[in-house]
Amino acid sequence: MSSVLDLRQFLNSSPTPFHAVQSIKRQLIDKDFKELRESQLWETMRGGKYYVTRGETSIVAWVQGESFPDHGAHIIGAHTDSPNLRLKPHPNINRNGYRQLGVEVYGGVLLGTWTDRDLSLAGRVFVESANGLKTYSLLCGQPLIRIPQLAIHLNREVNEKGLQLNRQKHLPPILTKSQNWETDDALKFWLAEELDLDGSKIRSWDLSLYDTQSAECWGPNLEFIASARLDNLFCCFTGLQALCKSRSAKPWTQVLVCYDHEEIGSQTTEGAHSSFLEFVIRRLAEQTESRQAYERAVANSILVSADMAHAVHPNYSEQHDPNHFPQMNEGPVIKRNSQGRYATSAKTEAWFEQICYKSNVPVQKFVMRTDLACGSTIGPITAARLGVETVDVGAAMLAMHSIRETCGSLDVDYLIKAFEAIYEEHLPITN
């Protein structure tokens, strides 16, 4: 259960992508990984351990291989962001005696689950200083705001028609009734007190709402985990543990990439559509002074796109293909889609399944019902940009995109063990 406890701590300390990358960096530093910067010249060594961030919300870490590019890279990819509500630039709302905060919806939020929760604020505040902009980290641990539902007496048909929320009208959380929040600068003054800085120097922020309830295990045998942001911090965590457990350098380079902005399509400088991972591989290839090093490295590489998967829901089993019922606590799920929404091919499916069988890790498989639309991952995006062979996998979970998701406790170690084998074993699948 130590891995489960560590996962819960990781989840609790990572309410935003910025905090998630900070948590990842702390673990990498503890394992003697050295930080590099994109703006500087790199001089890396075989067997060296490195990481680089972009925008403070995406990160690539690696153990450099002894025979790069001829043995390529074994890459595990995940994403740091989760659907949530984010503060607007001018958020102060005074309505009917209440002080509220204007919010935008980020990603495919299951909106109803954000009501009647103990919410707070976390993220980054950008402040003017003598040396340019300075970033301050905000993590307000106390319940600060709330989105109360309308009483059933005033919405008699809610149980029959479902909770219908207008994003503009119904989502602004209540903050206070204090008269001190009447001005447009009230939030700045509060942030200045929280962060002990001059409020007049605050220039912008990247602040998200989050649930203050901690990640917890539940069930008679504590067989389940309930938390926010399991999609997809679960895979960031399991991939990180596997990389940190790497016992030594291999002929191939062992890579972990955790992108931001997957939930909104990845079309950003920190997303999977960006140049981030490509530029890292190019830089490593260029240092070899070998002809066509980058192209050879990619051709000799494999990507495991790690994102969460839909476990069968006992009350809604008709939403699944009858031959594909992934279960929590029964190992990684290989995801296939003939429309290319997942990047798994028959060859990469067989490769990942073989790796798991050799490691005594059970494997499951998932395809969407043919008459339902299928979601996607960073897998097809990264595969198309780099031209790297890819398999899409994940851990089975319930209530995906809820503020309180559920996954299996046993799957933490199952995925870590599978990802360790990905990094440790060489099963070439290139032609």
Protein backbone atom coordinates (compact mmCIF):
# COMPACT_ATOMS: atom_id res chain seq x y z
CA MET A 1 0.00 0.00 0.00
CA SER A 2 3.00 2.35 0.11
CA SER A 3 2.51 3.23 -3.56
CA VAL A 4 -1.13 4.07 -2.87
CA LEU A 5 -0.16 6.36 0.00
CA ASP A 6 2.42 8.07 -2.20
CA LEU A 7 -0.17 8.50 -4.96
CA ARG A 8 -2.60 10.10 -2.52
CA GLN A 9 0.07 12.54 -1.38
CA PHE A 10 0.90 13.34 -5.00
CA LEU A 11 -2.75 13.99 -5.80
CA ASN A 12 -3.24 16.19 -2.73
CA SER A 13 -0.16 18.27 -3.52
CA SER A 14 -1.07 18.73 -7.21
CA PRO A 15 -4.32 20.70 -7.57
CA THR A 16 -3.12 22.29 -10.85
CA PRO A 17 -0.71 21.31 -13.67
CA PHE A 18 1.78 23.82 -12.25
CA HIS A 19 1.72 22.11 -8.85
CA ALA A 20 1.88 18.67 -10.50
CA VAL A 21 5.10 19.59 -12.31
CA GLN A 22 6.52 20.96 -9.06
CA SER A 23 5.69 17.64 -7.35
CA ILE A 24 7.31 15.69 -10.20
CA LYS A 25 10.42 17.88 -10.06
CA ARG A 26 10.85 17.28 -6.32
CA GLN A 27 10.88 13.52 -6.84
CA LEU A 28 13.28 13.77 -9.78
CA ILE A 29 15.68 15.97 -7.80
CA ASP A 30 15.60 13.45 -4.95
CA LYS A 31 16.74 10.85 -7.51
CA ASP A 32 19.62 13.05 -8.75
CA PHE A 33 18.06 14.20 -12.01
CA LYS A 34 19.65 17.41 -13.31
CA GLU A 35 17.54 20.29 -14.63
CA LEU A 36 18.16 21.63 -18.15
CA ARG A 37 16.61 24.70 -19.76
CA GLU A 38 15.38 24.99 -23.33
CA SER A 39 17.04 28.40 -23.68
CA GLN A 40 20.52 27.03 -22.94
CA LEU A 41 23.05 24.82 -24.72
CA TRP A 42 22.81 21.18 -23.67
CA GLU A 43 25.76 18.89 -23.05
CA THR A 44 24.39 15.58 -21.83
CA MET A 45 26.17 12.33 -21.08
CA ARG A 46 25.34 8.70 -21.64
CA GLY A 47 23.81 7.36 -18.45
CA GLY A 48 22.95 10.88 -17.28
CA LYS A 49 19.59 11.73 -15.71
CA TYR A 50 17.91 14.97 -16.80
CA TYR A 51 14.65 16.87 -16.97
CA VAL A 52 13.36 20.00 -18.69
CA THR A 53 10.10 21.91 -18.25
CA ARG A 54 8.09 24.11 -20.59
CA GLY A 55 5.70 26.77 -19.33
CA GLU A 56 6.06 25.27 -15.83
CA THR A 57 3.16 22.91 -16.62
CA SER A 58 4.79 20.31 -18.93
CA ILE A 59 7.89 18.24 -18.26
CA VAL A 60 10.17 15.74 -20.00
CA ALA A 61 12.53 13.59 -17.90
CA TRP A 62 14.92 10.92 -19.11
CA VAL A 63 17.79 8.56 -18.37
CA GLN A 64 20.06 8.84 -21.38
CA GLY A 65 20.82 5.60 -23.19
CA GLU A 66 24.24 4.16 -23.94
CA SER A 67 23.45 3.52 -27.63
CA PHE A 68 21.27 6.41 -28.71
CA PRO A 69 20.00 6.73 -31.45
CA ASP A 70 20.47 3.12 -32.58
CA HIS A 71 18.29 1.84 -29.74
CA GLY A 72 15.93 4.82 -29.70
CA ALA A 73 13.80 5.65 -26.68
CA HIS A 74 11.20 3.92 -24.57
CA ILE A 75 8.73 6.73 -23.88
CA ILE A 76 5.82 6.88 -21.44
CA GLY A 77 3.51 9.85 -22.03
CA ALA A 78 0.75 11.28 -19.85
CA HIS A 79 -0.84 14.67 -19.15
CA THR A 80 -0.86 16.98 -16.14
CA ASP A 81 -4.19 18.76 -16.67
CA SER A 82 -7.71 17.78 -15.63
CA PRO A 83 -11.12 19.31 -16.39
CA ASN A 84 -11.96 22.09 -13.94
CA LEU A 85 -13.22 25.64 -13.47
CA ARG A 86 -10.79 28.54 -13.93
CA LEU A 87 -10.94 32.11 -12.72
CA LYS A 88 -11.61 34.86 -15.25
CA PRO A 89 -9.24 37.88 -15.52
CA HIS A 90 -11.89 40.17 -13.98
CA PRO A 91 -13.76 37.72 -11.75
CA ASN A 92 -15.47 39.94 -9.16
CA ILE A 93 -19.28 39.69 -9.29
CA ASN A 94 -21.62 41.53 -6.91
CA ARG A 95 -25.09 40.02 -7.14
CA ASN A 96 -28.00 40.18 -4.69
CA GLY A 97 -25.73 40.95 -1.78
CA TYR A 98 -23.28 38.13 -2.53
CA ARG A 99 -19.69 38.45 -3.70
CA GLN A 100 -19.00 35.80 -6.35
CA LEU A 101 -16.20 34.86 -8.72
CA GLY A 102 -16.60 34.54 -12.48
CA VAL A 103 -15.24 31.27 -13.89
CA GLU A 104 -14.62 29.59 -17.24
CA VAL A 105 -15.06 25.90 -17.91
CA TYR A 106 -11.81 24.10 -18.80
CA GLY A 107 -12.23 20.81 -20.65
CA GLY A 108 -15.11 18.33 -20.47
CA VAL A 109 -16.21 18.97 -16.90
CA LEU A 110 -18.97 16.85 -15.33
CA LEU A 111 -20.46 20.10 -14.06
CA GLY A 112 -22.99 18.83 -11.55
CA THR A 113 -20.28 17.25 -9.42
CA TRP A 114 -18.79 20.68 -8.69
CA THR A 115 -21.87 21.82 -6.79
CA ASP A 116 -22.13 21.65 -2.99
CA ARG A 117 -18.41 20.95 -2.56
CA ASP A 118 -15.79 22.60 -0.34
CA LEU A 119 -13.84 24.45 -3.04
CA SER A 120 -10.75 26.62 -2.93
CA LEU A 121 -8.24 28.31 -5.26
CA ALA A 122 -4.81 27.22 -6.49
CA GLY A 123 -2.42 28.16 -9.25
CA ARG A 124 0.02 30.93 -10.14
CA VAL A 125 0.09 34.68 -9.68
CA PHE A 126 2.37 36.84 -11.84
CA VAL A 127 3.78 39.89 -10.09
CA GLU A 128 5.87 42.81 -11.34
CA SER A 129 9.34 43.01 -9.80
CA ALA A 130 12.57 44.89 -10.39
CA ASN A 131 13.84 41.96 -12.48
CA GLY A 132 10.71 41.38 -14.52
CA LEU A 133 7.74 39.16 -13.76
CA LYS A 134 7.96 36.90 -10.73
CA THR A 135 5.78 33.83 -10.27
CA TYR A 136 4.10 33.12 -6.94
CA SER A 137 2.51 29.77 -6.18
CA LEU A 138 -0.94 29.79 -4.56
CA LEU A 139 -2.46 26.83 -2.75
CA CYS A 140 -5.23 27.98 -0.42
CA GLY A 141 -5.91 24.85 1.61
CA GLN A 142 -9.04 26.03 3.39
CA PRO A 143 -12.56 25.85 1.90
CA LEU A 144 -13.03 29.29 0.36
CA ILE A 145 -15.89 29.14 -2.14
CA ARG A 146 -18.96 27.04 -2.95
CA ILE A 147 -21.49 26.50 -5.76
CA PRO A 148 -24.76 25.67 -3.96
CA GLN A 149 -27.48 23.86 -5.87
CA LEU A 150 -30.98 25.27 -6.05
CA ALA A 151 -33.30 23.66 -3.47
CA ILE A 152 -35.60 20.97 -4.84
CA HIS A 153 -38.58 23.05 -3.67
CA LEU A 154 -37.63 25.60 -6.35
CA ASN A 155 -36.67 23.02 -8.98
CA ARG A 156 -39.23 20.24 -8.63
CA GLU A 157 -38.29 18.33 -11.79
CA VAL A 158 -34.53 18.15 -11.19
CA ASN A 159 -34.60 14.42 -10.39
CA GLU A 160 -36.54 13.64 -13.56
CA LYS A 161 -34.87 16.03 -15.99
CA GLY A 162 -31.43 16.16 -14.41
CA LEU A 163 -29.43 19.12 -13.17
CA GLN A 164 -29.19 21.67 -15.97
CA LEU A 165 -26.52 24.31 -15.39
CA ASN A 166 -25.96 27.40 -17.50
CA ARG A 167 -22.21 27.94 -17.47
CA GLN A 168 -22.42 31.73 -17.32
CA LYS A 169 -25.31 32.08 -14.85
CA HIS A 170 -25.08 29.09 -12.52
CA LEU A 171 -21.36 28.35 -12.07
CA PRO A 172 -19.97 31.49 -10.36
CA PRO A 173 -19.21 30.32 -6.82
CA ILE A 174 -20.24 32.27 -3.75
CA LEU A 175 -17.27 33.77 -1.95
CA THR A 176 -18.64 36.05 0.76
CA LYS A 177 -21.19 38.67 1.78
CA SER A 178 -18.49 40.94 3.16
CA GLN A 179 -18.62 44.58 2.06
CA ASN A 180 -14.83 44.46 1.66
CA TRP A 181 -15.25 42.68 -1.68
CA GLU A 182 -17.24 45.37 -3.46
CA THR A 183 -14.36 46.79 -5.52
CA ASP A 184 -12.87 45.31 -8.70
CA ASP A 185 -9.50 45.01 -6.94
CA ALA A 186 -10.84 42.99 -3.99
CA LEU A 187 -9.37 39.70 -5.22
CA LYS A 188 -5.98 41.35 -5.71
CA PHE A 189 -6.05 42.59 -2.12
CA TRP A 190 -6.89 39.10 -0.86
CA LEU A 191 -4.12 37.54 -2.95
CA ALA A 192 -1.69 40.15 -1.64
CA GLU A 193 -2.51 39.13 1.93
CA GLU A 194 -2.27 35.42 1.16
CA LEU A 195 1.08 35.73 -0.61
CA ASP A 196 2.48 38.63 1.44
CA LEU A 197 3.10 40.94 -1.51
CA ASP A 198 2.08 44.32 -2.90
CA GLY A 199 -1.33 43.89 -4.54
CA SER A 200 -0.74 46.82 -6.89
CA LYS A 201 2.08 44.81 -8.51
CA ILE A 202 -0.13 41.84 -9.46
CA ARG A 203 -0.39 41.69 -13.25
CA SER A 204 -2.23 38.42 -13.96
CA TRP A 205 -3.05 34.99 -12.64
CA ASP A 206 -3.68 31.41 -13.68
CA LEU A 207 -5.99 30.24 -10.90
CA SER A 208 -8.24 27.19 -10.77
CA LEU A 209 -10.96 26.00 -8.46
CA TYR A 210 -10.28 22.67 -6.78
CA ASP A 211 -11.90 20.36 -4.25
CA THR A 212 -10.26 20.56 -0.82
CA GLN A 213 -11.30 17.01 0.10
CA SER A 214 -8.24 14.77 0.23
CA ALA A 215 -7.72 11.63 -1.81
CA GLU A 216 -8.96 8.64 0.17
CA CYS A 217 -9.18 4.86 -0.06
CA TRP A 218 -12.59 3.30 0.37
CA GLY A 219 -14.31 -0.08 0.39
CA PRO A 220 -14.25 -2.95 2.94
CA ASN A 221 -10.66 -3.73 1.99
CA LEU A 222 -9.75 -0.19 0.89
CA GLU A 223 -9.72 -1.53 -2.64
CA PHE A 224 -10.70 1.76 -4.29
CA ILE A 225 -9.27 5.27 -4.42
CA ALA A 226 -11.49 8.36 -4.61
CA SER A 227 -9.93 11.66 -5.63
CA ALA A 228 -10.00 14.59 -7.97
CA ARG A 229 -7.65 14.55 -10.98
CA LEU A 230 -7.09 10.79 -11.20
CA ASP A 231 -7.45 11.51 -14.91
CA ASN A 232 -4.59 11.86 -15.49
CA LEU A 233 -2.28 12.37 -12.52
CA PHE A 234 -2.58 8.63 -11.88
CA CYS A 235 -0.54 7.94 -15.03
CA CYS A 236 1.88 10.82 -14.39
CA PHE A 237 2.57 9.29 -10.98
CA THR A 238 2.94 5.66 -12.09
CA GLY A 239 5.19 6.64 -15.00
CA LEU A 240 7.32 8.76 -12.67
CA GLN A 241 7.73 5.95 -10.16
CA ALA A 242 8.84 3.59 -12.92
CA LEU A 243 11.42 6.07 -14.23
CA CYS A 244 12.76 6.81 -10.74
CA LYS A 245 13.15 3.08 -10.08
CA SER A 246 15.36 2.63 -13.13
CA ARG A 247 18.37 0.76 -11.80
CA SER A 248 20.85 1.74 -14.49
CA ALA A 249 21.24 3.19 -17.95
CA LYS A 250 20.16 0.98 -20.84
CA PRO A 251 21.16 1.00 -24.51
CA TRP A 252 17.88 2.88 -25.13
CA THR A 253 16.90 6.19 -23.55
CA GLN A 254 14.14 6.00 -20.93
CA VAL A 255 11.76 8.96 -21.24
CA LEU A 256 8.76 10.30 -19.34
CA VAL A 257 6.78 13.16 -20.89
CA CYS A 258 3.86 14.81 -19.08
CA TYR A 259 2.06 17.35 -21.27
CA ASP A 260 -0.38 20.08 -20.32
CA HIS A 261 -3.64 20.94 -22.14
CA GLU A 262 -4.67 17.45 -23.26
CA GLU A 263 -8.21 18.11 -22.05
CA ILE A 264 -8.62 21.03 -24.48
CA GLY A 265 -7.04 19.46 -27.56
CA SER A 266 -3.27 19.83 -26.96
CA GLN A 267 -2.90 22.71 -29.47
CA THR A 268 -0.62 24.83 -27.26
CA THR A 269 3.10 25.34 -26.69
CA GLU A 270 2.89 22.95 -23.72
CA GLY A 271 0.61 20.40 -25.39
CA ALA A 272 1.22 17.21 -27.33
CA HIS A 273 0.82 19.08 -30.64
CA SER A 274 3.83 21.22 -29.71
CA SER A 275 7.51 20.80 -30.52
CA PHE A 276 8.44 19.96 -26.91
CA LEU A 277 9.22 16.24 -27.08
CA GLU A 278 10.46 16.47 -30.67
CA PHE A 279 13.00 19.14 -29.74
CA VAL A 280 14.24 17.10 -26.75
CA ILE A 281 14.85 14.05 -28.96
CA ARG A 282 16.46 16.21 -31.66
CA ARG A 283 18.88 17.75 -29.19
CA LEU A 284 19.92 14.36 -27.87
CA ALA A 285 20.31 13.06 -31.42
CA GLU A 286 22.37 16.06 -32.56
CA GLN A 287 24.93 15.47 -29.83
CA THR A 288 25.81 12.10 -31.33
CA GLU A 289 27.18 13.70 -34.52
CA SER A 290 25.67 10.76 -36.36
CA ARG A 291 23.98 11.02 -39.76
CA GLN A 292 20.16 11.05 -39.69
CA ALA A 293 20.35 10.54 -35.94
CA TYR A 294 16.93 12.00 -35.16
CA GLU A 295 15.11 9.96 -37.79
CA ARG A 296 16.86 6.77 -36.68
CA ALA A 297 16.09 7.50 -33.03
CA VAL A 298 12.38 7.91 -33.73
CA ALA A 299 12.24 4.78 -35.89
CA ASN A 300 13.83 2.78 -33.06
CA SER A 301 11.50 4.18 -30.39
CA ILE A 302 8.19 3.17 -28.80
CA LEU A 303 5.62 5.39 -27.07
CA VAL A 304 3.23 4.20 -24.37
CA SER A 305 0.45 6.78 -24.22
CA ALA A 306 -0.85 6.41 -20.67
CA ASP A 307 -4.29 7.79 -19.87
CA MET A 308 -7.22 6.52 -17.86
CA ALA A 309 -9.81 4.07 -19.24
CA HIS A 310 -13.53 3.55 -18.69
CA ALA A 311 -14.28 0.74 -16.25
CA VAL A 312 -17.66 -0.91 -16.75
CA HIS A 313 -20.25 0.75 -14.51
CA PRO A 314 -22.54 -1.85 -12.87
CA ASN A 315 -25.56 0.46 -13.23
CA TYR A 316 -24.82 1.40 -16.85
CA SER A 317 -23.21 -1.69 -18.37
CA GLU A 318 -25.19 -1.17 -21.60
CA GLN A 319 -22.86 1.74 -22.38
CA HIS A 320 -20.02 -0.74 -23.01
CA ASP A 321 -19.33 -3.14 -25.83
CA PRO A 322 -20.50 -6.50 -24.43
CA ASN A 323 -17.14 -8.16 -25.11
CA HIS A 324 -15.05 -5.39 -23.56
CA PHE A 325 -15.79 -4.79 -19.87
CA PRO A 326 -12.66 -3.36 -18.21
CA GLN A 327 -12.61 -3.80 -14.44
CA MET A 328 -10.84 -1.85 -11.73
CA ASN A 329 -8.03 -3.73 -9.93
CA GLU A 330 -7.51 -6.08 -12.89
CA GLY A 331 -4.52 -4.46 -14.54
CA PRO A 332 -3.73 -2.09 -17.43
CA VAL A 333 -6.27 -1.59 -20.21
CA ILE A 334 -5.12 -1.57 -23.85
CA LYS A 335 -7.32 0.80 -25.87
CA ARG A 336 -8.13 0.32 -29.56
CA ASN A 337 -10.16 2.39 -32.04
CA SER A 338 -10.39 1.83 -35.78
CA GLN A 339 -10.99 5.57 -36.39
CA GLY A 340 -7.58 6.43 -34.96
CA ARG A 341 -8.85 8.01 -31.74
CA TYR A 342 -6.32 5.76 -30.03
CA ALA A 343 -2.92 5.09 -31.61
CA THR A 344 -2.71 1.39 -30.76
CA SER A 345 -1.99 -0.97 -33.65
CA ALA A 346 -2.24 -4.75 -33.57
CA LYS A 347 1.56 -4.86 -33.39
CA THR A 348 1.92 -2.44 -30.47
CA GLU A 349 -0.98 -4.14 -28.71
CA ALA A 350 0.84 -7.47 -28.95
CA TRP A 351 4.09 -5.86 -27.78
CA PHE A 352 2.54 -4.32 -24.66
CA GLU A 353 0.61 -7.48 -23.86
CA GLN A 354 3.79 -9.55 -24.11
CA ILE A 355 5.62 -7.14 -21.79
CA CYS A 356 2.83 -7.44 -19.21
CA TYR A 357 2.63 -11.23 -19.40
CA LYS A 358 6.38 -11.53 -18.86
CA SER A 359 6.00 -9.29 -15.79
CA ASN A 360 2.99 -11.19 -14.38
CA VAL A 361 0.75 -8.15 -14.85
CA PRO A 362 -2.84 -8.87 -15.98
CA VAL A 363 -4.01 -7.09 -19.13
CA GLN A 364 -7.45 -5.94 -20.28
CA LYS A 365 -8.73 -4.53 -23.56
CA PHE A 366 -11.22 -1.79 -24.43
CA VAL A 367 -13.04 -0.58 -27.51
CA MET A 368 -15.93 1.88 -27.50
CA ARG A 369 -19.40 0.78 -28.50
CA THR A 370 -19.62 1.21 -32.25
CA ASP A 371 -22.64 3.51 -31.93
CA LEU A 372 -20.96 5.86 -29.41
CA ALA A 373 -18.33 8.54 -30.00
CA CYS A 374 -14.85 7.75 -28.70
CA GLY A 375 -12.58 10.11 -26.78
CA SER A 376 -8.90 10.47 -27.55
CA THR A 377 -5.49 10.92 -25.92
CA ILE A 378 -2.03 12.33 -26.56
CA GLY A 379 -1.25 9.03 -28.34
CA PRO A 380 -2.49 9.80 -31.88
CA ILE A 381 -1.19 13.39 -31.68
CA THR A 382 2.33 12.42 -30.60
CA ALA A 383 2.44 9.44 -32.94
CA ALA A 384 1.52 11.61 -35.91
CA ARG A 385 3.96 14.41 -35.02
CA LEU A 386 6.94 12.14 -34.38
CA GLY A 387 6.12 9.09 -36.47
CA VAL A 388 6.73 6.85 -33.46
CA GLU A 389 5.04 3.48 -32.91
CA THR A 390 2.49 3.90 -30.13
CA VAL A 391 0.20 1.96 -27.82
CA ASP A 392 -2.61 3.58 -25.81
CA VAL A 393 -3.10 2.13 -22.34
CA GLY A 394 -4.55 3.18 -18.99
CA ALA A 395 -6.06 2.17 -15.68
CA ALA A 396 -9.78 1.46 -15.43
CA MET A 397 -11.80 4.05 -13.53
CA LEU A 398 -15.32 5.27 -12.83
CA ALA A 399 -16.79 8.80 -12.92
CA MET A 400 -14.18 10.14 -15.34
CA HIS A 401 -14.18 13.97 -15.36
CA SER A 402 -16.13 14.13 -12.12
CA ILE A 403 -14.69 16.27 -9.33
CA ARG A 404 -14.43 12.97 -7.41
CA GLU A 405 -13.26 10.05 -9.56
CA THR A 406 -12.67 6.42 -8.55
CA CYS A 407 -10.00 3.88 -9.51
CA GLY A 408 -8.60 0.64 -8.12
CA SER A 409 -5.91 0.51 -5.43
CA LEU A 410 -4.24 -2.58 -6.93
CA ASP A 411 -3.86 -0.90 -10.31
CA VAL A 412 -1.29 1.52 -8.92
CA ASP A 413 1.34 -1.19 -8.55
CA TYR A 414 0.14 -3.00 -11.68
CA LEU A 415 0.86 0.04 -13.83
CA ILE A 416 4.15 0.83 -12.10
CA LYS A 417 5.30 -2.75 -12.68
CA ALA A 418 4.24 -2.65 -16.35
CA PHE A 419 5.98 0.70 -16.91
CA GLU A 420 9.14 -0.54 -15.18
CA ALA A 421 9.20 -3.41 -17.66
CA ILE A 422 8.75 -0.95 -20.55
CA TYR A 423 11.85 0.89 -19.40
CA GLU A 424 13.86 -2.22 -18.55
CA GLU A 425 13.16 -4.61 -21.43
CA HIS A 426 13.97 -4.32 -25.11
CA LEU A 427 11.48 -5.93 -27.44
CA PRO A 428 12.11 -4.36 -30.85
CA ILE A 429 8.97 -3.83 -32.90
CA THR A 430 10.44 -1.80 -35.76
CA ASN A 431 10.73 -3.27 -39.24
